[in-house]
Amino acid sequence: MFQYKTRGTCSTQIDLEIENGVITACAFHNGCVGNTQGLAKMVIGRNADEVKETLRGIQCRGGTSCPDQLAQAIDAYEARQA
Protein backbone atom coordinates (compact mmCIF):
# COMPACT_ATOMS: atom_id res chain seq x y z
CA MET A 1 0.00 0.00 0.00
CA PHE A 2 1.40 3.38 -1.04
CA GLN A 3 1.24 6.01 1.70
CA TYR A 4 1.09 9.68 0.71
CA LYS A 5 1.57 12.37 3.36
CA THR A 6 -0.86 15.19 2.55
CA ARG A 7 -0.02 18.88 2.79
CA GLY A 8 -2.36 21.76 3.65
CA THR A 9 -5.42 19.67 4.52
CA CYS A 10 -7.12 18.30 7.61
CA SER A 11 -6.39 14.80 6.36
CA THR A 12 -2.82 13.77 7.09
CA GLN A 13 -2.29 10.74 4.85
CA ILE A 14 -3.81 8.89 1.91
CA ASP A 15 -3.30 5.15 1.49
CA LEU A 16 -3.56 4.25 -2.18
CA GLU A 17 -3.27 1.19 -4.40
CA ILE A 18 -3.54 1.19 -8.19
CA GLU A 19 -3.53 -1.92 -10.40
CA ASN A 20 -3.49 -1.74 -14.19
CA GLY A 21 -4.43 1.94 -14.05
CA VAL A 22 -7.47 1.36 -11.79
CA ILE A 23 -7.70 2.49 -8.17
CA THR A 24 -8.24 -0.64 -6.07
CA ALA A 25 -7.85 0.87 -2.59
CA CYS A 26 -8.08 4.37 -1.16
CA ALA A 27 -8.30 5.53 2.45
CA PHE A 28 -7.79 8.90 4.13
CA HIS A 29 -6.40 9.41 7.63
CA ASN A 30 -8.11 12.17 9.60
CA GLY A 31 -10.03 14.96 7.89
CA CYS A 32 -13.80 15.27 7.56
CA VAL A 33 -14.71 11.62 7.99
CA GLY A 34 -17.91 11.52 5.95
CA ASN A 35 -16.40 13.44 3.06
CA THR A 36 -13.14 11.50 2.93
CA GLN A 37 -14.87 8.12 3.28
CA GLY A 38 -17.30 9.09 0.53
CA LEU A 39 -14.54 10.31 -1.76
CA ALA A 40 -12.51 7.15 -1.20
CA LYS A 41 -15.48 4.91 -2.02
CA MET A 42 -16.31 6.91 -5.13
CA VAL A 43 -12.84 6.52 -6.67
CA ILE A 44 -12.34 2.79 -6.07
CA GLY A 45 -12.79 0.93 -9.34
CA ARG A 46 -12.21 4.05 -11.46
CA ASN A 47 -9.40 4.87 -13.84
CA ALA A 48 -6.67 6.66 -11.88
CA ASP A 49 -5.85 9.14 -14.65
CA GLU A 50 -9.51 10.15 -15.00
CA VAL A 51 -9.83 10.60 -11.23
CA LYS A 52 -6.63 12.64 -11.13
CA GLU A 53 -7.77 15.01 -13.87
CA THR A 54 -11.25 15.38 -12.37
CA LEU A 55 -10.02 16.22 -8.86
CA ARG A 56 -6.90 18.27 -9.59
CA GLY A 57 -7.17 21.90 -8.50
CA ILE A 58 -10.26 21.62 -6.28
CA GLN A 59 -9.82 24.20 -3.51
CA CYS A 60 -10.81 24.02 0.14
CA ARG A 61 -8.27 25.90 2.21
CA GLY A 62 -4.59 26.59 1.91
CA GLY A 63 -4.71 26.38 -1.89
CA THR A 64 -5.57 22.66 -1.92
CA SER A 65 -8.17 20.14 -0.71
CA CYS A 66 -8.47 16.44 0.05
CA PRO A 67 -9.57 15.75 -3.57
CA ASP A 68 -6.63 17.80 -4.88
CA GLN A 69 -4.28 15.93 -2.55
CA LEU A 70 -5.64 12.65 -3.92
CA ALA A 71 -4.75 13.82 -7.44
CA GLN A 72 -1.25 14.58 -6.18
CA ALA A 73 -1.06 11.19 -4.47
CA ILE A 74 -1.91 9.50 -7.77
CA ASP A 75 0.90 11.48 -9.44
CA ALA A 76 3.33 10.40 -6.72
CA TYR A 77 2.19 6.77 -6.98
CA GLU A 78 2.68 6.77 -10.74
CA ALA A 79 6.09 8.44 -10.46
CA ARG A 80 7.15 5.73 -8.02
CA GLN A 81 6.15 3.06 -10.55
CA ALA A 82 8.15 4.61 -13.42
PDB file of N, CA and C in Angstrom:
ATOM      1  N   MET A   1       0.852  -1.172   0.000  1.00  0.00           N
ATOM      2  CA  MET A   1       0.000   0.000   0.000  1.00  0.00           C
ATOM      3  C   MET A   1       0.900   1.238   0.000  1.00  0.00           C
ATOM      4  N   PHE A   2       0.660   2.124  -0.936  1.00  0.00           N
ATOM      5  CA  PHE A   2       1.400   3.383  -1.039  1.00  0.00           C
ATOM      6  C   PHE A   2       0.816   4.379  -0.044  1.00  0.00           C
ATOM      7  N   GLN A   3       1.670   5.034   0.713  1.00  0.00           N
ATOM      8  CA  GLN A   3       1.236   6.013   1.701  1.00  0.00           C
ATOM      9  C   GLN A   3       1.726   7.393   1.282  1.00  0.00           C
ATOM     10  N   TYR A   4       0.781   8.317   1.127  1.00  0.00           N
ATOM     11  CA  TYR A   4       1.089   9.676   0.711  1.00  0.00           C
ATOM     12  C   TYR A   4       0.769  10.625   1.853  1.00  0.00           C
ATOM     13  N   LYS A   5       1.761  11.387   2.299  1.00  0.00           N
ATOM     14  CA  LYS A   5       1.566  12.375   3.361  1.00  0.00           C
ATOM     15  C   LYS A   5       1.001  13.645   2.731  1.00  0.00           C
ATOM     16  N   THR A   6      -0.193  14.017   3.130  1.00  0.00           N
ATOM     17  CA  THR A   6      -0.861  15.188   2.552  1.00  0.00           C
ATOM     18  C   THR A   6      -0.267  16.470   3.112  1.00  0.00           C
ATOM     19  N   ARG A   7      -0.503  17.564   2.385  1.00  0.00           N
ATOM     20  CA  ARG A   7      -0.025  18.883   2.786  1.00  0.00           C
ATOM     21  C   ARG A   7      -1.166  19.884   2.667  1.00  0.00           C
ATOM     22  N   GLY A   8      -1.384  20.680   3.713  1.00  0.00           N
ATOM     23  CA  GLY A   8      -2.357  21.757   3.647  1.00  0.00           C
ATOM     24  C   GLY A   8      -3.807  21.348   3.823  1.00  0.00           C
ATOM     25  N   THR A   9      -4.048  20.140   4.316  1.00  0.00           N
ATOM     26  CA  THR A   9      -5.421  19.675   4.522  1.00  0.00           C
ATOM     27  C   THR A   9      -5.589  19.105   5.925  1.00  0.00           C
ATOM     28  N   CYS A  10      -6.834  18.925   6.318  1.00  0.00           N
ATOM     29  CA  CYS A  10      -7.125  18.296   7.611  1.00  0.00           C
ATOM     30  C   CYS A  10      -6.722  16.826   7.604  1.00  0.00           C
ATOM     31  N   SER A  11      -6.869  16.173   6.460  1.00  0.00           N
ATOM     32  CA  SER A  11      -6.393  14.799   6.365  1.00  0.00           C
ATOM     33  C   SER A  11      -4.869  14.826   6.379  1.00  0.00           C
ATOM     34  N   THR A  12      -4.266  13.789   6.927  1.00  0.00           N
ATOM     35  CA  THR A  12      -2.816  13.771   7.089  1.00  0.00           C
ATOM     36  C   THR A  12      -2.125  12.755   6.191  1.00  0.00           C
ATOM     37  N   GLN A  13      -2.885  11.794   5.676  1.00  0.00           N
ATOM     38  CA  GLN A  13      -2.288  10.743   4.850  1.00  0.00           C
ATOM     39  C   GLN A  13      -3.353  10.108   3.980  1.00  0.00           C
ATOM     40  N   ILE A  14      -2.939   9.668   2.787  1.00  0.00           N
ATOM     41  CA  ILE A  14      -3.806   8.895   1.910  1.00  0.00           C
ATOM     42  C   ILE A  14      -3.105   7.578   1.626  1.00  0.00           C
ATOM     43  N   ASP A  15      -3.794   6.476   1.873  1.00  0.00           N
ATOM     44  CA  ASP A  15      -3.304   5.152   1.493  1.00  0.00           C
ATOM     45  C   ASP A  15      -3.929   4.823   0.148  1.00  0.00           C
ATOM     46  N   LEU A  16      -3.103   4.396  -0.807  1.00  0.00           N
ATOM     47  CA  LEU A  16      -3.558   4.250  -2.181  1.00  0.00           C
ATOM     48  C   LEU A  16      -2.942   3.018  -2.824  1.00  0.00           C
ATOM     49  N   GLU A  17      -3.754   2.326  -3.601  1.00  0.00           N
ATOM     50  CA  GLU A  17      -3.272   1.192  -4.401  1.00  0.00           C
ATOM     51  C   GLU A  17      -3.907   1.292  -5.774  1.00  0.00           C
ATOM     52  N   ILE A  18      -3.086   1.135  -6.805  1.00  0.00           N
ATOM     53  CA  ILE A  18      -3.545   1.186  -8.190  1.00  0.00           C
ATOM     54  C   ILE A  18      -3.030  -0.051  -8.908  1.00  0.00           C
ATOM     55  N   GLU A  19      -3.915  -0.745  -9.615  1.00  0.00           N
ATOM     56  CA  GLU A  19      -3.530  -1.920 -10.396  1.00  0.00           C
ATOM     57  C   GLU A  19      -4.041  -1.759 -11.815  1.00  0.00           C
ATOM     58  N   ASN A  20      -3.134  -1.876 -12.773  1.00  0.00           N
ATOM     59  CA  ASN A  20      -3.491  -1.736 -14.186  1.00  0.00           C
ATOM     60  C   ASN A  20      -4.247  -0.449 -14.468  1.00  0.00           C
ATOM     61  N   GLY A  21      -3.828   0.630 -13.813  1.00  0.00           N
ATOM     62  CA  GLY A  21      -4.434   1.938 -14.051  1.00  0.00           C
ATOM     63  C   GLY A  21      -5.745   2.187 -13.340  1.00  0.00           C
ATOM     64  N   VAL A  22      -6.192   1.242 -12.497  1.00  0.00           N
ATOM     65  CA  VAL A  22      -7.466   1.360 -11.790  1.00  0.00           C
ATOM     66  C   VAL A  22      -7.203   1.425 -10.284  1.00  0.00           C
ATOM     67  N   ILE A  23      -7.853   2.359  -9.619  1.00  0.00           N
ATOM     68  CA  ILE A  23      -7.702   2.488  -8.167  1.00  0.00           C
ATOM     69  C   ILE A  23      -8.417   1.316  -7.497  1.00  0.00           C
ATOM     70  N   THR A  24      -7.656   0.533  -6.731  1.00  0.00           N
ATOM     71  CA  THR A  24      -8.235  -0.642  -6.070  1.00  0.00           C
ATOM     72  C   THR A  24      -8.408  -0.439  -4.570  1.00  0.00           C
ATOM     73  N   ALA A  25      -7.718   0.562  -4.017  1.00  0.00           N
ATOM     74  CA  ALA A  25      -7.855   0.865  -2.592  1.00  0.00           C
ATOM     75  C   ALA A  25      -7.532   2.336  -2.375  1.00  0.00           C
ATOM     76  N   CYS A  26      -8.302   2.967  -1.493  1.00  0.00           N
ATOM     77  CA  CYS A  26      -8.078   4.371  -1.161  1.00  0.00           C
ATOM     78  C   CYS A  26      -8.652   4.618   0.229  1.00  0.00           C
ATOM     79  N   ALA A  27      -7.840   5.207   1.101  1.00  0.00           N
ATOM     80  CA  ALA A  27      -8.305   5.531   2.449  1.00  0.00           C
ATOM     81  C   ALA A  27      -7.592   6.788   2.925  1.00  0.00           C
ATOM     82  N   PHE A  28      -8.334   7.668   3.570  1.00  0.00           N
ATOM     83  CA  PHE A  28      -7.789   8.900   4.129  1.00  0.00           C
ATOM     84  C   PHE A  28      -7.641   8.743   5.631  1.00  0.00           C
ATOM     85  N   HIS A  29      -6.596   9.345   6.189  1.00  0.00           N
ATOM     86  CA  HIS A  29      -6.405   9.409   7.632  1.00  0.00           C
ATOM     87  C   HIS A  29      -6.767  10.820   8.076  1.00  0.00           C
ATOM     88  N   ASN A  30      -7.646  10.900   9.049  1.00  0.00           N
ATOM     89  CA  ASN A  30      -8.113  12.169   9.601  1.00  0.00           C
ATOM     90  C   ASN A  30      -8.938  12.925   8.558  1.00  0.00           C
ATOM     91  N   GLY A  31      -9.179  14.191   8.794  1.00  0.00           N
ATOM     92  CA  GLY A  31     -10.027  14.963   7.887  1.00  0.00           C
ATOM     93  C   GLY A  31     -11.493  14.817   8.233  1.00  0.00           C
ATOM     94  N   CYS A  32     -12.344  15.346   7.381  1.00  0.00           N
ATOM     95  CA  CYS A  32     -13.798  15.271   7.556  1.00  0.00           C
ATOM     96  C   CYS A  32     -14.241  13.858   7.186  1.00  0.00           C
ATOM     97  N   VAL A  33     -14.534  13.061   8.172  1.00  0.00           N
ATOM     98  CA  VAL A  33     -14.710  11.619   7.995  1.00  0.00           C
ATOM     99  C   VAL A  33     -15.731  11.265   6.915  1.00  0.00           C
ATOM    100  N   GLY A  34     -16.892  11.863   6.952  1.00  0.00           N
ATOM    101  CA  GLY A  34     -17.912  11.525   5.952  1.00  0.00           C
ATOM    102  C   GLY A  34     -17.462  11.866   4.544  1.00  0.00           C
ATOM    103  N   ASN A  35     -16.854  13.026   4.389  1.00  0.00           N
ATOM    104  CA  ASN A  35     -16.397  13.437   3.059  1.00  0.00           C
ATOM    105  C   ASN A  35     -15.263  12.561   2.553  1.00  0.00           C
ATOM    106  N   THR A  36     -14.279  12.295   3.399  1.00  0.00           N
ATOM    107  CA  THR A  36     -13.139  11.501   2.932  1.00  0.00           C
ATOM    108  C   THR A  36     -13.529  10.038   2.697  1.00  0.00           C
ATOM    109  N   GLN A  37     -14.403   9.496   3.525  1.00  0.00           N
ATOM    110  CA  GLN A  37     -14.866   8.120   3.280  1.00  0.00           C
ATOM    111  C   GLN A  37     -15.663   8.055   1.983  1.00  0.00           C
ATOM    112  N   GLY A  38     -16.513   9.051   1.760  1.00  0.00           N
ATOM    113  CA  GLY A  38     -17.302   9.086   0.528  1.00  0.00           C
ATOM    114  C   GLY A  38     -16.423   9.222  -0.698  1.00  0.00           C
ATOM    115  N   LEU A  39     -15.457  10.125  -0.633  1.00  0.00           N
ATOM    116  CA  LEU A  39     -14.539  10.314  -1.756  1.00  0.00           C
ATOM    117  C   LEU A  39     -13.772   9.032  -2.042  1.00  0.00           C
ATOM    118  N   ALA A  40     -13.259   8.389  -1.014  1.00  0.00           N
ATOM    119  CA  ALA A  40     -12.506   7.150  -1.198  1.00  0.00           C
ATOM    120  C   ALA A  40     -13.370   6.078  -1.864  1.00  0.00           C
ATOM    121  N   LYS A  41     -14.593   5.916  -1.421  1.00  0.00           N
ATOM    122  CA  LYS A  41     -15.480   4.907  -2.021  1.00  0.00           C
ATOM    123  C   LYS A  41     -15.807   5.227  -3.475  1.00  0.00           C
ATOM    124  N   MET A  42     -15.946   6.520  -3.774  1.00  0.00           N
ATOM    125  CA  MET A  42     -16.306   6.915  -5.133  1.00  0.00           C
ATOM    126  C   MET A  42     -15.188   6.654  -6.144  1.00  0.00           C
ATOM    127  N   VAL A  43     -13.936   6.679  -5.709  1.00  0.00           N
ATOM    128  CA  VAL A  43     -12.837   6.519  -6.666  1.00  0.00           C
ATOM    129  C   VAL A  43     -12.399   5.076  -6.857  1.00  0.00           C
ATOM    130  N   ILE A  44     -12.732   4.198  -5.927  1.00  0.00           N
ATOM    131  CA  ILE A  44     -12.337   2.792  -6.066  1.00  0.00           C
ATOM    132  C   ILE A  44     -13.059   2.197  -7.271  1.00  0.00           C
ATOM    133  N   GLY A  45     -12.261   1.548  -8.130  1.00  0.00           N
ATOM    134  CA  GLY A  45     -12.791   0.934  -9.339  1.00  0.00           C
ATOM    135  C   GLY A  45     -12.748   1.855 -10.548  1.00  0.00           C
ATOM    136  N   ARG A  46     -12.284   3.089 -10.349  1.00  0.00           N
ATOM    137  CA  ARG A  46     -12.214   4.054 -11.456  1.00  0.00           C
ATOM    138  C   ARG A  46     -10.792   4.189 -11.966  1.00  0.00           C
ATOM    139  N   ASN A  47     -10.683   4.635 -13.204  1.00  0.00           N
ATOM    140  CA  ASN A  47      -9.396   4.871 -13.836  1.00  0.00           C
ATOM    141  C   ASN A  47      -8.656   5.986 -13.096  1.00  0.00           C
ATOM    142  N   ALA A  48      -7.433   5.715 -12.682  1.00  0.00           N
ATOM    143  CA  ALA A  48      -6.666   6.658 -11.878  1.00  0.00           C
ATOM    144  C   ALA A  48      -6.412   7.969 -12.610  1.00  0.00           C
ATOM    145  N   ASP A  49      -6.120   7.914 -13.904  1.00  0.00           N
ATOM    146  CA  ASP A  49      -5.848   9.139 -14.650  1.00  0.00           C
ATOM    147  C   ASP A  49      -7.096  10.011 -14.764  1.00  0.00           C
ATOM    148  N   GLU A  50      -8.255   9.392 -14.933  1.00  0.00           N
ATOM    149  CA  GLU A  50      -9.507  10.153 -14.995  1.00  0.00           C
ATOM    150  C   GLU A  50      -9.807  10.806 -13.651  1.00  0.00           C
ATOM    151  N   VAL A  51      -9.607  10.063 -12.576  1.00  0.00           N
ATOM    152  CA  VAL A  51      -9.830  10.600 -11.232  1.00  0.00           C
ATOM    153  C   VAL A  51      -8.898  11.779 -10.995  1.00  0.00           C
ATOM    154  N   LYS A  52      -7.638  11.599 -11.334  1.00  0.00           N
ATOM    155  CA  LYS A  52      -6.631  12.641 -11.129  1.00  0.00           C
ATOM    156  C   LYS A  52      -7.011  13.926 -11.852  1.00  0.00           C
ATOM    157  N   GLU A  53      -7.421  13.821 -13.095  1.00  0.00           N
ATOM    158  CA  GLU A  53      -7.768  15.012 -13.868  1.00  0.00           C
ATOM    159  C   GLU A  53      -9.061  15.653 -13.382  1.00  0.00           C
ATOM    160  N   THR A  54      -9.989  14.855 -12.895  1.00  0.00           N
ATOM    161  CA  THR A  54     -11.246  15.384 -12.371  1.00  0.00           C
ATOM    162  C   THR A  54     -11.037  16.152 -11.070  1.00  0.00           C
ATOM    163  N   LEU A  55     -10.168  15.653 -10.207  1.00  0.00           N
ATOM    164  CA  LEU A  55     -10.016  16.221  -8.865  1.00  0.00           C
ATOM    165  C   LEU A  55      -8.939  17.292  -8.744  1.00  0.00           C
ATOM    166  N   ARG A  56      -8.012  17.323  -9.682  1.00  0.00           N
ATOM    167  CA  ARG A  56      -6.896  18.270  -9.590  1.00  0.00           C
ATOM    168  C   ARG A  56      -7.403  19.718  -9.539  1.00  0.00           C
ATOM    169  N   GLY A  57      -6.872  20.481  -8.582  1.00  0.00           N
ATOM    170  CA  GLY A  57      -7.171  21.901  -8.499  1.00  0.00           C
ATOM    171  C   GLY A  57      -8.384  22.271  -7.672  1.00  0.00           C
ATOM    172  N   ILE A  58      -9.122  21.291  -7.151  1.00  0.00           N
ATOM    173  CA  ILE A  58     -10.256  21.620  -6.283  1.00  0.00           C
ATOM    174  C   ILE A  58      -9.712  22.274  -5.019  1.00  0.00           C
ATOM    175  N   GLN A  59     -10.302  23.402  -4.644  1.00  0.00           N
ATOM    176  CA  GLN A  59      -9.819  24.198  -3.511  1.00  0.00           C
ATOM    177  C   GLN A  59     -10.714  24.034  -2.285  1.00  0.00           C
ATOM    178  N   CYS A  60     -10.094  23.995  -1.134  1.00  0.00           N
ATOM    179  CA  CYS A  60     -10.814  24.021   0.137  1.00  0.00           C
ATOM    180  C   CYS A  60     -10.202  25.120   0.983  1.00  0.00           C
ATOM    181  N   ARG A  61      -9.017  24.880   1.466  1.00  0.00           N
ATOM    182  CA  ARG A  61      -8.266  25.904   2.213  1.00  0.00           C
ATOM    183  C   ARG A  61      -6.789  25.677   1.937  1.00  0.00           C
ATOM    184  N   GLY A  62      -6.031  26.721   2.103  1.00  0.00           N
ATOM    185  CA  GLY A  62      -4.587  26.586   1.914  1.00  0.00           C
ATOM    186  C   GLY A  62      -4.183  26.289   0.484  1.00  0.00           C
ATOM    187  N   GLY A  63      -5.056  26.598  -0.488  1.00  0.00           N
ATOM    188  CA  GLY A  63      -4.707  26.380  -1.891  1.00  0.00           C
ATOM    189  C   GLY A  63      -4.801  24.945  -2.348  1.00  0.00           C
ATOM    190  N   THR A  64      -5.416  24.073  -1.545  1.00  0.00           N
ATOM    191  CA  THR A  64      -5.568  22.662  -1.916  1.00  0.00           C
ATOM    192  C   THR A  64      -6.824  22.120  -1.242  1.00  0.00           C
ATOM    193  N   SER A  65      -7.033  20.825  -1.343  1.00  0.00           N
ATOM    194  CA  SER A  65      -8.170  20.143  -0.713  1.00  0.00           C
ATOM    195  C   SER A  65      -7.841  18.661  -0.646  1.00  0.00           C
ATOM    196  N   CYS A  66      -8.677  17.893   0.031  1.00  0.00           N
ATOM    197  CA  CYS A  66      -8.473  16.440   0.049  1.00  0.00           C
ATOM    198  C   CYS A  66      -8.567  15.854  -1.365  1.00  0.00           C
ATOM    199  N   PRO A  67      -9.555  16.263  -2.193  1.00  0.00           N
ATOM    200  CA  PRO A  67      -9.574  15.750  -3.566  1.00  0.00           C
ATOM    201  C   PRO A  67      -8.315  16.128  -4.351  1.00  0.00           C
ATOM    202  N   ASP A  68      -7.843  17.370  -4.200  1.00  0.00           N
ATOM    203  CA  ASP A  68      -6.626  17.798  -4.882  1.00  0.00           C
ATOM    204  C   ASP A  68      -5.424  17.004  -4.389  1.00  0.00           C
ATOM    205  N   GLN A  69      -5.377  16.733  -3.099  1.00  0.00           N
ATOM    206  CA  GLN A  69      -4.282  15.932  -2.554  1.00  0.00           C
ATOM    207  C   GLN A  69      -4.333  14.502  -3.086  1.00  0.00           C
ATOM    208  N   LEU A  70      -5.524  13.971  -3.321  1.00  0.00           N
ATOM    209  CA  LEU A  70      -5.636  12.645  -3.918  1.00  0.00           C
ATOM    210  C   LEU A  70      -5.067  12.658  -5.332  1.00  0.00           C
ATOM    211  N   ALA A  71      -5.336  13.706  -6.096  1.00  0.00           N
ATOM    212  CA  ALA A  71      -4.752  13.823  -7.436  1.00  0.00           C
ATOM    213  C   ALA A  71      -3.228  13.831  -7.340  1.00  0.00           C
ATOM    214  N   GLN A  72      -2.695  14.544  -6.366  1.00  0.00           N
ATOM    215  CA  GLN A  72      -1.248  14.582  -6.184  1.00  0.00           C
ATOM    216  C   GLN A  72      -0.709  13.232  -5.715  1.00  0.00           C
ATOM    217  N   ALA A  73      -1.468  12.535  -4.909  1.00  0.00           N
ATOM    218  CA  ALA A  73      -1.060  11.192  -4.465  1.00  0.00           C
ATOM    219  C   ALA A  73      -0.986  10.236  -5.653  1.00  0.00           C
ATOM    220  N   ILE A  74      -1.937  10.342  -6.567  1.00  0.00           N
ATOM    221  CA  ILE A  74      -1.911   9.497  -7.765  1.00  0.00           C
ATOM    222  C   ILE A  74      -0.663   9.810  -8.588  1.00  0.00           C
ATOM    223  N   ASP A  75      -0.341  11.106  -8.742  1.00  0.00           N
ATOM    224  CA  ASP A  75       0.897  11.483  -9.442  1.00  0.00           C
ATOM    225  C   ASP A  75       2.110  10.842  -8.770  1.00  0.00           C
ATOM    226  N   ALA A  76       2.189  10.941  -7.463  1.00  0.00           N
ATOM    227  CA  ALA A  76       3.327  10.398  -6.721  1.00  0.00           C
ATOM    228  C   ALA A  76       3.380   8.876  -6.859  1.00  0.00           C
ATOM    229  N   TYR A  77       2.240   8.230  -6.812  1.00  0.00           N
ATOM    230  CA  TYR A  77       2.187   6.766  -6.976  1.00  0.00           C
ATOM    231  C   TYR A  77       2.711   6.381  -8.359  1.00  0.00           C
ATOM    232  N   GLU A  78       2.249   7.091  -9.385  1.00  0.00           N
ATOM    233  CA  GLU A  78       2.676   6.772 -10.744  1.00  0.00           C
ATOM    234  C   GLU A  78       4.150   7.057 -10.949  1.00  0.00           C
ATOM    235  N   ALA A  79       4.669   8.124 -10.347  1.00  0.00           N
ATOM    236  CA  ALA A  79       6.094   8.438 -10.456  1.00  0.00           C
ATOM    237  C   ALA A  79       6.945   7.351  -9.793  1.00  0.00           C
ATOM    238  N   ARG A  80       6.447   6.797  -8.722  1.00  0.00           N
ATOM    239  CA  ARG A  80       7.152   5.725  -8.022  1.00  0.00           C
ATOM    240  C   ARG A  80       7.223   4.458  -8.874  1.00  0.00           C
ATOM    241  N   GLN A  81       6.208   4.254  -9.713  1.00  0.00           N
ATOM    242  CA  GLN A  81       6.152   3.056 -10.547  1.00  0.00           C
ATOM    243  C   GLN A  81       7.029   3.174 -11.795  1.00  0.00           C
ATOM    244  N   ALA A  82       7.387   4.389 -12.176  1.00  0.00           N
ATOM    245  CA  ALA A  82       8.148   4.607 -13.422  1.00  0.00           C
ATOM    246  C   ALA A  82       9.579   4.162 -13.323  1.00  0.00           C
TER     247      ALA A  82
END
